[in-house]
Amino acid sequence: MYASPSRIAGRRALAGLFAAAMVVGGGSALSMSAANAQENPLGQITGSIGATQFAQECVALDAGLYQTAYSETENAVFVTRSVGRPPVTESTLTKVDADSLEVLDSVDPAVNDEASGARTAVYGVAVDDANGLVWTTNTRDNTVAVYDAKTLDLVKQFDAGLVDHARDVAVDPETGKAYVSAPTTDSGVIYEFDGTDLDAEPTVIELPELANTVSLDLDPATGALYTVDLGGPHAAKVDTRNDNEVTTYNLGDSVEAASGVTIDTENGNIWAIDQTTGSAVVVNEESGEVVENFETGEGALNAKYDDASGLVYVSNRTANNITVYDATTFEQVGDLPAGPNAELGQTPNHVSVDGKGNAFSVNKFAPEEGEGAGKNQLCRITPDGGPLGSVTGSLDELTGSLEGISEQAPAEDAPAEDAPAA
């Protein structure tokens, strides 16, 4: 499950190369159309562990990134950003071209308090391609909002206080229903919204054996919705196309605070990620048996299965890496930074996939000075992208230095990601 000493040495050498090059030569310069993007992308970096190789191309966006979601119709990645604790005055929904990583458009949520300048900030995000909608959670305001995927116009702002600490949102592409988790409630609930009737009140789905609900993942083929319990060793499946029938799974004593979940649709396994123990627990959804239990990384926060590659990506926020696993063998095949400057700490927050073999990650590390100051990174990760340790461009083209760049502690502005009470 873990790398050999020779692989570790190779990764450390590669990490040093990342850290030494804030801007890597060879990444094509992108023409950014929005103010919150850096003129020059952070470039292309590659690395691997074992036989699987990964290429990462990263671009800098203003700090405060949370989640991403891919739209096949728009061929775009939607990125949420919110900064600080209330009143949150900086928040952005950004639309990025999935191929070039060029910023196509962005919108700032509306101000909801003129005195403080607080906005209805966006955190979680999901795309409904069938109806051309982007759903976002407004965690601080305990509600959700819906935007037009093409124009980023606000389609619907639901009333504040509707969903307690709204965290994740997932959309069923067949029914258009959107599901929102609530991690700070006294009992497990998920809110179901009708994407075809945005004036309708949401339905509350009760999960009586869970203390709360955190991450969500949905199987688009069946409509089955998966979540985990931050307050106990539980995962759950909601059969949304069968009267919301709930199945609960016991994850065992090693689970203290599960926050991430994803469904391996090929093998029928639910992956639950525990941010306290840094472990991954895999349970079979048919038998309910735990089939694997291993450490993935300190502060393991979120996970995402990619059916195009058969890989599971886990963002380990405190360990500052993204670990990648073969979903069938559970072998670790990748140990990746969430952007340049791996030695300074990356605090990866979230990973999504496009169904074509690409993954998109965001981190919350932002240098105070130097190239990329005040920026987080959005990275596209592609398996089998190049040889181990290769860098696009020659070493003579590497620019940037570590001088003037100071390490920042993990951000304390993330109600949906950072705090154990998320």
Protein backbone atom coordinates (compact mmCIF):
# COMPACT_ATOMS: atom_id res chain seq x y z
CA MET A 1 0.00 0.00 0.00
CA TYR A 2 2.96 2.30 0.47
CA ALA A 3 5.92 3.32 -1.63
CA SER A 4 9.32 1.68 -1.53
CA PRO A 5 12.34 3.74 -0.34
CA SER A 6 13.47 4.24 -3.94
CA ARG A 7 10.05 5.61 -4.89
CA ILE A 8 10.06 7.90 -1.88
CA ALA A 9 13.47 9.24 -2.83
CA GLY A 10 12.24 9.88 -6.35
CA ARG A 11 9.19 11.74 -5.07
CA ARG A 12 11.34 13.89 -2.77
CA ALA A 13 13.63 14.81 -5.62
CA LEU A 14 10.62 15.68 -7.73
CA ALA A 15 9.09 17.70 -4.89
CA GLY A 16 12.27 19.70 -4.66
CA LEU A 17 12.00 20.49 -8.34
CA PHE A 18 8.41 21.67 -7.88
CA ALA A 19 9.46 23.86 -4.96
CA ALA A 20 12.30 25.44 -6.88
CA ALA A 21 10.17 26.50 -9.82
CA MET A 22 7.25 28.77 -9.20
CA VAL A 23 6.84 29.08 -12.99
CA VAL A 24 7.86 26.08 -15.08
CA GLY A 25 9.01 26.78 -18.61
CA GLY A 26 7.05 25.19 -21.43
CA GLY A 27 3.53 25.84 -20.17
CA SER A 28 1.83 27.93 -22.83
CA ALA A 29 0.97 31.45 -21.72
CA LEU A 30 -2.79 31.81 -21.35
CA SER A 31 -4.78 34.93 -22.01
CA MET A 32 -6.85 35.35 -18.85
CA SER A 33 -10.14 37.14 -19.30
CA ALA A 34 -11.04 37.59 -15.62
CA ALA A 35 -9.34 39.69 -12.98
CA ASN A 36 -8.86 36.84 -10.54
CA ALA A 37 -6.48 34.89 -12.79
CA GLN A 38 -2.73 35.23 -13.04
CA GLU A 39 -1.48 36.24 -16.50
CA ASN A 40 1.06 33.42 -16.64
CA PRO A 41 0.01 29.89 -15.72
CA LEU A 42 2.11 28.03 -13.23
CA GLY A 43 3.04 25.56 -15.92
CA GLN A 44 3.17 21.83 -16.37
CA ILE A 45 4.64 19.38 -13.89
CA THR A 46 4.71 15.62 -13.97
CA GLY A 47 5.38 12.81 -11.56
CA SER A 48 4.34 9.30 -10.61
CA ILE A 49 4.68 6.43 -8.21
CA GLY A 50 4.88 2.90 -9.57
CA ALA A 51 3.83 2.28 -13.16
CA THR A 52 1.17 4.96 -13.38
CA GLN A 53 2.38 8.40 -14.39
CA PHE A 54 0.59 11.68 -14.00
CA ALA A 55 0.88 15.06 -15.67
CA GLN A 56 -0.33 18.14 -13.81
CA GLU A 57 -0.95 21.50 -15.39
CA CYS A 58 -1.76 24.27 -12.92
CA VAL A 59 -3.04 27.82 -13.13
CA ALA A 60 -3.21 30.38 -10.34
CA LEU A 61 -6.51 31.85 -9.17
CA ASP A 62 -7.16 34.25 -6.31
CA ALA A 63 -7.00 32.53 -2.93
CA GLY A 64 -10.02 31.04 -1.21
CA LEU A 65 -10.73 28.09 -3.54
CA TYR A 66 -13.05 25.34 -2.29
CA GLN A 67 -14.50 22.97 -4.87
CA THR A 68 -14.74 22.30 -8.61
CA ALA A 69 -17.31 20.68 -10.89
CA TYR A 70 -17.02 19.77 -14.57
CA SER A 71 -19.62 20.52 -17.25
CA GLU A 72 -19.50 18.36 -20.36
CA THR A 73 -21.88 20.67 -22.21
CA GLU A 74 -19.73 23.73 -21.56
CA ASN A 75 -16.42 21.79 -21.47
CA ALA A 76 -15.69 23.96 -18.47
CA VAL A 77 -14.73 23.60 -14.83
CA PHE A 78 -16.71 25.69 -12.34
CA VAL A 79 -14.65 26.78 -9.33
CA THR A 80 -15.97 28.25 -6.07
CA ARG A 81 -14.04 30.74 -3.97
CA SER A 82 -14.80 32.38 -0.62
CA VAL A 83 -12.42 34.16 1.73
CA GLY A 84 -12.44 34.54 5.48
CA ARG A 85 -14.99 34.28 8.21
CA PRO A 86 -18.18 36.35 8.33
CA PRO A 87 -18.71 38.86 7.05
CA VAL A 88 -17.43 37.23 3.84
CA THR A 89 -16.90 40.06 1.38
CA GLU A 90 -14.85 38.14 -1.22
CA SER A 91 -16.47 35.28 -3.11
CA THR A 92 -16.42 34.21 -6.75
CA LEU A 93 -17.90 31.57 -9.03
CA THR A 94 -15.41 31.12 -11.87
CA LYS A 95 -15.81 29.31 -15.19
CA VAL A 96 -12.56 27.86 -16.56
CA ASP A 97 -11.97 26.22 -19.95
CA ALA A 98 -11.26 22.55 -19.22
CA ASP A 99 -8.67 22.26 -22.01
CA SER A 100 -6.67 25.49 -21.80
CA LEU A 101 -7.42 26.34 -18.14
CA GLU A 102 -8.22 29.84 -19.36
CA VAL A 103 -10.70 31.75 -17.26
CA LEU A 104 -13.81 32.24 -19.38
CA ASP A 105 -16.00 34.17 -16.98
CA SER A 106 -16.59 34.88 -13.31
CA VAL A 107 -19.26 36.35 -11.10
CA ASP A 108 -19.31 37.67 -7.55
CA PRO A 109 -22.38 36.60 -5.55
CA ALA A 110 -24.68 39.39 -4.53
CA VAL A 111 -24.09 41.49 -1.43
CA ASN A 112 -26.66 40.57 1.22
CA ASP A 113 -25.62 43.07 3.90
CA GLU A 114 -24.82 46.61 2.76
CA ALA A 115 -23.35 47.65 6.09
CA SER A 116 -20.66 44.95 6.16
CA GLY A 117 -20.43 44.19 2.45
CA ALA A 118 -21.05 40.50 3.12
CA ARG A 119 -21.91 38.39 0.10
CA THR A 120 -23.92 35.19 -0.29
CA ALA A 121 -20.66 33.29 -0.62
CA VAL A 122 -20.27 30.07 -2.63
CA TYR A 123 -18.56 26.88 -1.35
CA GLY A 124 -19.86 23.54 -2.70
CA VAL A 125 -20.66 23.19 -6.42
CA ALA A 126 -22.32 20.75 -8.85
CA VAL A 127 -23.42 20.96 -12.49
CA ASP A 128 -26.76 19.99 -14.06
CA ASP A 129 -25.91 19.77 -17.76
CA ALA A 130 -29.40 18.64 -18.75
CA ASN A 131 -30.91 21.90 -17.51
CA GLY A 132 -27.88 24.15 -17.97
CA LEU A 133 -27.56 24.93 -14.26
CA VAL A 134 -24.77 25.28 -11.72
CA TRP A 135 -25.75 24.60 -8.11
CA THR A 136 -23.74 26.14 -5.27
CA THR A 137 -23.97 25.89 -1.50
CA ASN A 138 -23.96 29.11 0.53
CA THR A 139 -22.56 27.62 3.71
CA ARG A 140 -22.41 30.80 5.76
CA ASP A 141 -25.98 31.69 4.91
CA ASN A 142 -27.35 28.15 5.35
CA THR A 143 -28.79 27.94 1.86
CA VAL A 144 -28.10 27.27 -1.84
CA ALA A 145 -28.08 29.19 -5.11
CA VAL A 146 -28.45 28.29 -8.78
CA TYR A 147 -26.61 29.93 -11.69
CA ASP A 148 -26.89 29.69 -15.46
CA ALA A 149 -24.03 27.50 -16.68
CA LYS A 150 -23.57 29.46 -19.90
CA THR A 151 -23.84 33.05 -18.65
CA LEU A 152 -23.26 32.72 -14.88
CA ASP A 153 -26.42 34.75 -14.33
CA LEU A 154 -28.11 34.06 -11.01
CA VAL A 155 -31.19 31.92 -11.68
CA LYS A 156 -32.37 31.31 -8.11
CA GLN A 157 -31.21 32.39 -4.68
CA PHE A 158 -32.97 30.35 -2.02
CA ASP A 159 -33.80 32.01 1.29
CA ALA A 160 -31.17 32.09 4.01
CA GLY A 161 -31.62 29.54 6.78
CA LEU A 162 -33.06 26.85 4.53
CA VAL A 163 -30.23 24.25 4.95
CA ASP A 164 -28.14 24.30 8.09
CA HIS A 165 -24.47 24.84 7.10
CA ALA A 166 -25.09 23.62 3.53
CA ARG A 167 -21.91 21.81 2.52
CA ASP A 168 -21.95 19.55 -0.57
CA VAL A 169 -24.38 19.46 -3.48
CA ALA A 170 -24.87 16.63 -5.99
CA VAL A 171 -27.22 16.52 -8.99
CA ASP A 172 -28.97 13.52 -10.55
CA PRO A 173 -28.61 14.05 -14.32
CA GLU A 174 -31.71 12.00 -15.09
CA THR A 175 -34.18 13.69 -12.73
CA GLY A 176 -32.58 17.12 -12.30
CA LYS A 177 -32.90 16.81 -8.53
CA ALA A 178 -30.18 18.39 -6.43
CA TYR A 179 -29.13 17.00 -3.04
CA VAL A 180 -27.51 19.08 -0.30
CA SER A 181 -25.78 17.86 2.87
CA ALA A 182 -26.03 19.45 6.32
CA PRO A 183 -23.01 18.65 8.54
CA THR A 184 -24.00 20.55 11.68
CA THR A 185 -27.51 19.26 12.25
CA ASP A 186 -28.47 17.16 15.31
CA SER A 187 -29.50 14.22 13.10
CA GLY A 188 -28.60 13.06 9.61
CA VAL A 189 -30.56 14.80 6.88
CA ILE A 190 -30.17 15.54 3.17
CA TYR A 191 -32.21 18.20 1.40
CA GLU A 192 -33.70 17.33 -1.99
CA PHE A 193 -34.38 20.21 -4.43
CA ASP A 194 -36.33 19.95 -7.67
CA GLY A 195 -34.17 21.39 -10.44
CA THR A 196 -37.16 21.55 -12.78
CA ASP A 197 -39.22 23.61 -10.30
CA LEU A 198 -36.97 26.01 -8.42
CA ASP A 199 -39.93 27.56 -6.62
CA ALA A 200 -40.74 24.30 -4.85
CA GLU A 201 -39.75 23.77 -1.25
CA PRO A 202 -37.07 21.12 -0.70
CA THR A 203 -37.87 17.68 0.64
CA VAL A 204 -36.00 16.54 3.74
CA ILE A 205 -34.56 13.01 3.58
CA GLU A 206 -33.90 11.60 7.04
CA LEU A 207 -30.97 9.31 7.79
CA PRO A 208 -31.76 8.36 11.40
CA GLU A 209 -28.56 6.40 12.12
CA LEU A 210 -26.29 9.30 11.12
CA ALA A 211 -25.47 12.31 13.29
CA ASN A 212 -25.02 14.49 10.22
CA THR A 213 -24.10 14.41 6.53
CA VAL A 214 -20.92 15.74 4.93
CA SER A 215 -19.57 14.81 1.47
CA LEU A 216 -21.93 13.55 -1.22
CA ASP A 217 -21.35 11.39 -4.29
CA LEU A 218 -23.98 10.23 -6.76
CA ASP A 219 -24.02 7.35 -9.23
CA PRO A 220 -25.53 8.91 -12.37
CA ALA A 221 -26.59 5.53 -13.75
CA THR A 222 -28.75 4.54 -10.77
CA GLY A 223 -29.32 7.80 -8.92
CA ALA A 224 -27.93 6.24 -5.74
CA LEU A 225 -26.60 8.95 -3.43
CA TYR A 226 -23.80 8.32 -0.93
CA THR A 227 -22.72 10.22 2.17
CA VAL A 228 -20.75 9.78 5.41
CA ASP A 229 -21.19 10.76 9.03
CA LEU A 230 -18.80 13.24 10.63
CA GLY A 231 -20.10 12.23 14.05
CA GLY A 232 -19.85 8.45 13.88
CA PRO A 233 -18.54 5.42 11.96
CA HIS A 234 -21.24 5.41 9.31
CA ALA A 235 -21.75 5.68 5.58
CA ALA A 236 -25.13 5.68 3.91
CA LYS A 237 -26.75 5.14 0.52
CA VAL A 238 -29.99 6.82 -0.47
CA ASP A 239 -31.84 5.16 -3.35
CA THR A 240 -33.21 8.41 -4.74
CA ARG A 241 -35.18 6.70 -7.52
CA ASN A 242 -36.83 4.31 -5.08
CA ASP A 243 -38.65 6.53 -2.56
CA ASN A 244 -35.32 7.61 -1.03
CA GLU A 245 -34.79 4.25 0.67
CA VAL A 246 -31.79 4.51 3.04
CA THR A 247 -29.12 1.85 3.64
CA THR A 248 -26.62 2.46 6.45
CA TYR A 249 -23.14 0.93 6.68
CA ASN A 250 -20.96 0.46 9.76
CA LEU A 251 -17.38 1.50 8.96
CA GLY A 252 -15.79 0.07 12.10
CA ASP A 253 -14.05 1.42 15.15
CA SER A 254 -11.16 3.01 13.24
CA VAL A 255 -13.44 5.72 11.87
CA GLU A 256 -13.83 8.81 14.04
CA ALA A 257 -14.77 11.67 11.71
CA ALA A 258 -15.52 10.66 8.15
CA SER A 259 -15.76 13.63 5.82
CA GLY A 260 -15.12 12.32 2.30
CA VAL A 261 -17.01 9.73 0.28
CA THR A 262 -17.01 8.36 -3.25
CA ILE A 263 -18.59 5.38 -4.98
CA ASP A 264 -16.56 2.97 -7.09
CA THR A 265 -19.28 2.09 -9.57
CA GLU A 266 -17.23 -0.66 -11.23
CA ASN A 267 -16.59 -2.71 -8.09
CA GLY A 268 -19.57 -1.57 -6.03
CA ASN A 269 -17.42 -0.22 -3.20
CA ILE A 270 -17.99 2.85 -1.07
CA TRP A 271 -14.81 4.72 -0.07
CA ALA A 272 -15.11 6.63 3.20
CA ILE A 273 -12.32 9.07 4.11
CA ASP A 274 -11.60 9.96 7.75
CA GLN A 275 -9.97 13.35 8.38
CA THR A 276 -9.11 12.54 12.01
CA THR A 277 -7.34 9.21 11.51
CA GLY A 278 -6.19 9.91 7.95
CA SER A 279 -7.61 6.59 6.84
CA ALA A 280 -9.65 5.20 3.98
CA VAL A 281 -12.26 2.56 4.73
CA VAL A 282 -13.75 0.69 1.78
CA VAL A 283 -17.08 -1.07 2.28
CA ASN A 284 -18.97 -3.16 -0.26
CA GLU A 285 -22.41 -1.69 -0.85
CA GLU A 286 -24.06 -5.08 -1.41
CA SER A 287 -22.61 -7.11 1.48
CA GLY A 288 -21.93 -4.22 3.85
CA GLU A 289 -18.56 -5.74 4.67
CA VAL A 290 -15.41 -3.65 5.08
CA VAL A 291 -13.10 -4.92 2.33
CA GLU A 292 -10.13 -2.60 2.93
CA ASN A 293 -8.89 -0.23 5.64
CA PHE A 294 -5.62 1.68 5.32
CA GLU A 295 -3.95 5.01 6.04
CA THR A 296 -4.03 7.41 3.12
CA GLY A 297 -2.69 10.65 4.57
CA GLU A 298 -2.98 13.01 7.51
CA GLY A 299 -6.08 15.16 7.36
CA ALA A 300 -7.69 13.08 4.60
CA LEU A 301 -10.62 15.23 3.56
CA ASN A 302 -12.25 14.37 0.24
CA ALA A 303 -12.17 11.57 -2.33
CA LYS A 304 -13.34 11.01 -5.89
CA TYR A 305 -13.54 7.86 -8.03
CA ASP A 306 -12.95 8.20 -11.77
CA ASP A 307 -14.66 5.48 -13.80
CA ALA A 308 -12.66 6.42 -16.91
CA SER A 309 -9.36 5.47 -15.29
CA GLY A 310 -10.44 3.21 -12.42
CA LEU A 311 -8.60 5.46 -9.97
CA VAL A 312 -9.56 7.05 -6.65
CA TYR A 313 -8.10 10.46 -5.77
CA VAL A 314 -7.85 11.42 -2.08
CA SER A 315 -7.00 14.95 -0.96
CA ASN A 316 -4.96 14.80 2.25
CA ARG A 317 -5.15 18.34 3.53
CA THR A 318 -2.67 18.20 6.41
CA ALA A 319 -0.25 15.82 4.66
CA ASN A 320 -0.20 18.26 1.73
CA ASN A 321 -0.63 15.69 -1.00
CA ILE A 322 -3.11 13.89 -3.20
CA THR A 323 -2.81 10.12 -3.01
CA VAL A 324 -4.12 8.06 -5.91
CA TYR A 325 -5.25 4.42 -5.73
CA ASP A 326 -6.16 1.65 -8.10
CA ALA A 327 -9.79 1.10 -7.12
CA THR A 328 -9.62 -2.64 -7.79
CA THR A 329 -6.33 -3.59 -6.13
CA PHE A 330 -6.20 -0.71 -3.58
CA GLU A 331 -2.55 -0.20 -4.61
CA GLN A 332 -1.28 3.33 -4.22
CA VAL A 333 -0.24 4.47 -7.69
CA GLY A 334 0.21 8.20 -7.15
CA ASP A 335 1.49 10.70 -4.61
CA LEU A 336 0.98 14.15 -6.05
CA PRO A 337 1.28 17.75 -4.90
CA ALA A 338 -1.76 19.95 -5.40
CA GLY A 339 0.35 22.45 -7.30
CA PRO A 340 3.84 23.94 -7.42
CA ASN A 341 5.93 24.50 -4.27
CA ALA A 342 5.19 21.15 -2.67
CA GLU A 343 7.73 21.66 0.10
CA LEU A 344 5.92 24.76 1.35
CA GLY A 345 2.64 22.96 1.94
CA GLN A 346 -0.25 22.65 -0.44
CA THR A 347 -3.38 22.02 1.68
CA PRO A 348 -5.29 20.28 -1.15
CA ASN A 349 -9.01 20.73 -0.62
CA HIS A 350 -11.01 18.95 -3.30
CA VAL A 351 -10.77 16.79 -6.43
CA SER A 352 -13.36 16.32 -9.18
CA VAL A 353 -13.25 14.42 -12.49
CA ASP A 354 -14.52 15.00 -16.02
CA GLY A 355 -15.32 11.40 -16.96
CA LYS A 356 -12.63 11.45 -19.65
CA GLY A 357 -9.71 10.49 -17.42
CA ASN A 358 -8.82 13.98 -16.17
CA ALA A 359 -9.09 15.12 -12.56
CA PHE A 360 -9.21 18.71 -11.30
CA SER A 361 -7.81 19.68 -7.91
CA VAL A 362 -7.74 22.89 -5.91
CA ASN A 363 -5.53 23.82 -2.99
CA LYS A 364 -5.58 26.50 -0.34
CA PHE A 365 -1.88 27.37 -0.10
CA ALA A 366 -1.05 30.95 -1.12
CA PRO A 367 2.48 32.45 -0.88
CA GLU A 368 2.58 35.86 0.75
CA GLU A 369 5.22 37.17 -1.65
CA GLY A 370 6.86 36.35 -4.96
CA GLU A 371 5.39 34.71 -8.03
CA GLY A 372 1.89 33.52 -7.29
CA ALA A 373 1.51 35.68 -4.19
CA GLY A 374 -2.01 35.56 -2.83
CA LYS A 375 -2.99 32.79 -5.23
CA ASN A 376 -4.30 29.26 -4.90
CA GLN A 377 -3.95 26.74 -7.70
CA LEU A 378 -6.37 24.91 -9.94
CA CYS A 379 -4.63 21.85 -11.44
CA ARG A 380 -5.64 19.40 -14.12
CA ILE A 381 -4.26 15.91 -13.41
CA THR A 382 -3.93 13.42 -16.25
CA PRO A 383 -2.80 9.80 -15.70
CA ASP A 384 -0.07 8.42 -17.96
CA GLY A 385 0.87 11.96 -18.84
CA GLY A 386 4.63 11.55 -19.07
CA PRO A 387 7.75 9.88 -17.70
CA LEU A 388 8.61 10.01 -14.02
CA GLY A 389 10.18 13.28 -13.03
CA SER A 390 9.98 14.94 -16.42
CA VAL A 391 9.35 18.66 -16.72
CA THR A 392 7.99 20.45 -19.75
CA GLY A 393 10.80 22.67 -21.02
CA SER A 394 14.46 22.65 -20.17
CA LEU A 395 16.01 23.30 -16.78
CA ASP A 396 17.45 26.54 -18.15
CA GLU A 397 13.92 27.83 -18.57
CA LEU A 398 12.88 27.35 -14.95
CA THR A 399 12.12 30.63 -13.26
CA GLY A 400 11.14 31.81 -9.80
CA SER A 401 12.71 31.18 -6.43
CA LEU A 402 11.83 30.46 -2.83
CA GLU A 403 13.09 33.83 -1.64
CA GLY A 404 10.42 35.93 -0.06
CA ILE A 405 7.91 33.11 0.02
CA SER A 406 6.74 32.20 3.49
CA GLU A 407 4.75 29.21 4.59
CA GLN A 408 1.21 29.85 5.70
CA ALA A 409 -0.73 27.76 8.16
CA PRO A 410 -3.79 26.03 6.75
CA ALA A 411 -6.51 28.58 6.18
CA GLU A 412 -9.06 28.99 8.94
CA ASP A 413 -11.76 30.29 6.64
CA ALA A 414 -13.26 27.03 5.49
CA PRO A 415 -16.49 26.10 7.19
CA ALA A 416 -17.17 23.34 4.70
CA GLU A 417 -13.67 21.87 4.68
CA ASP A 418 -11.35 22.95 7.48
CA ALA A 419 -13.07 22.69 10.80
CA PRO A 420 -13.89 19.30 12.31
CA ALA A 421 -17.41 20.64 12.83
CA ALA A 422 -17.80 20.86 9.06
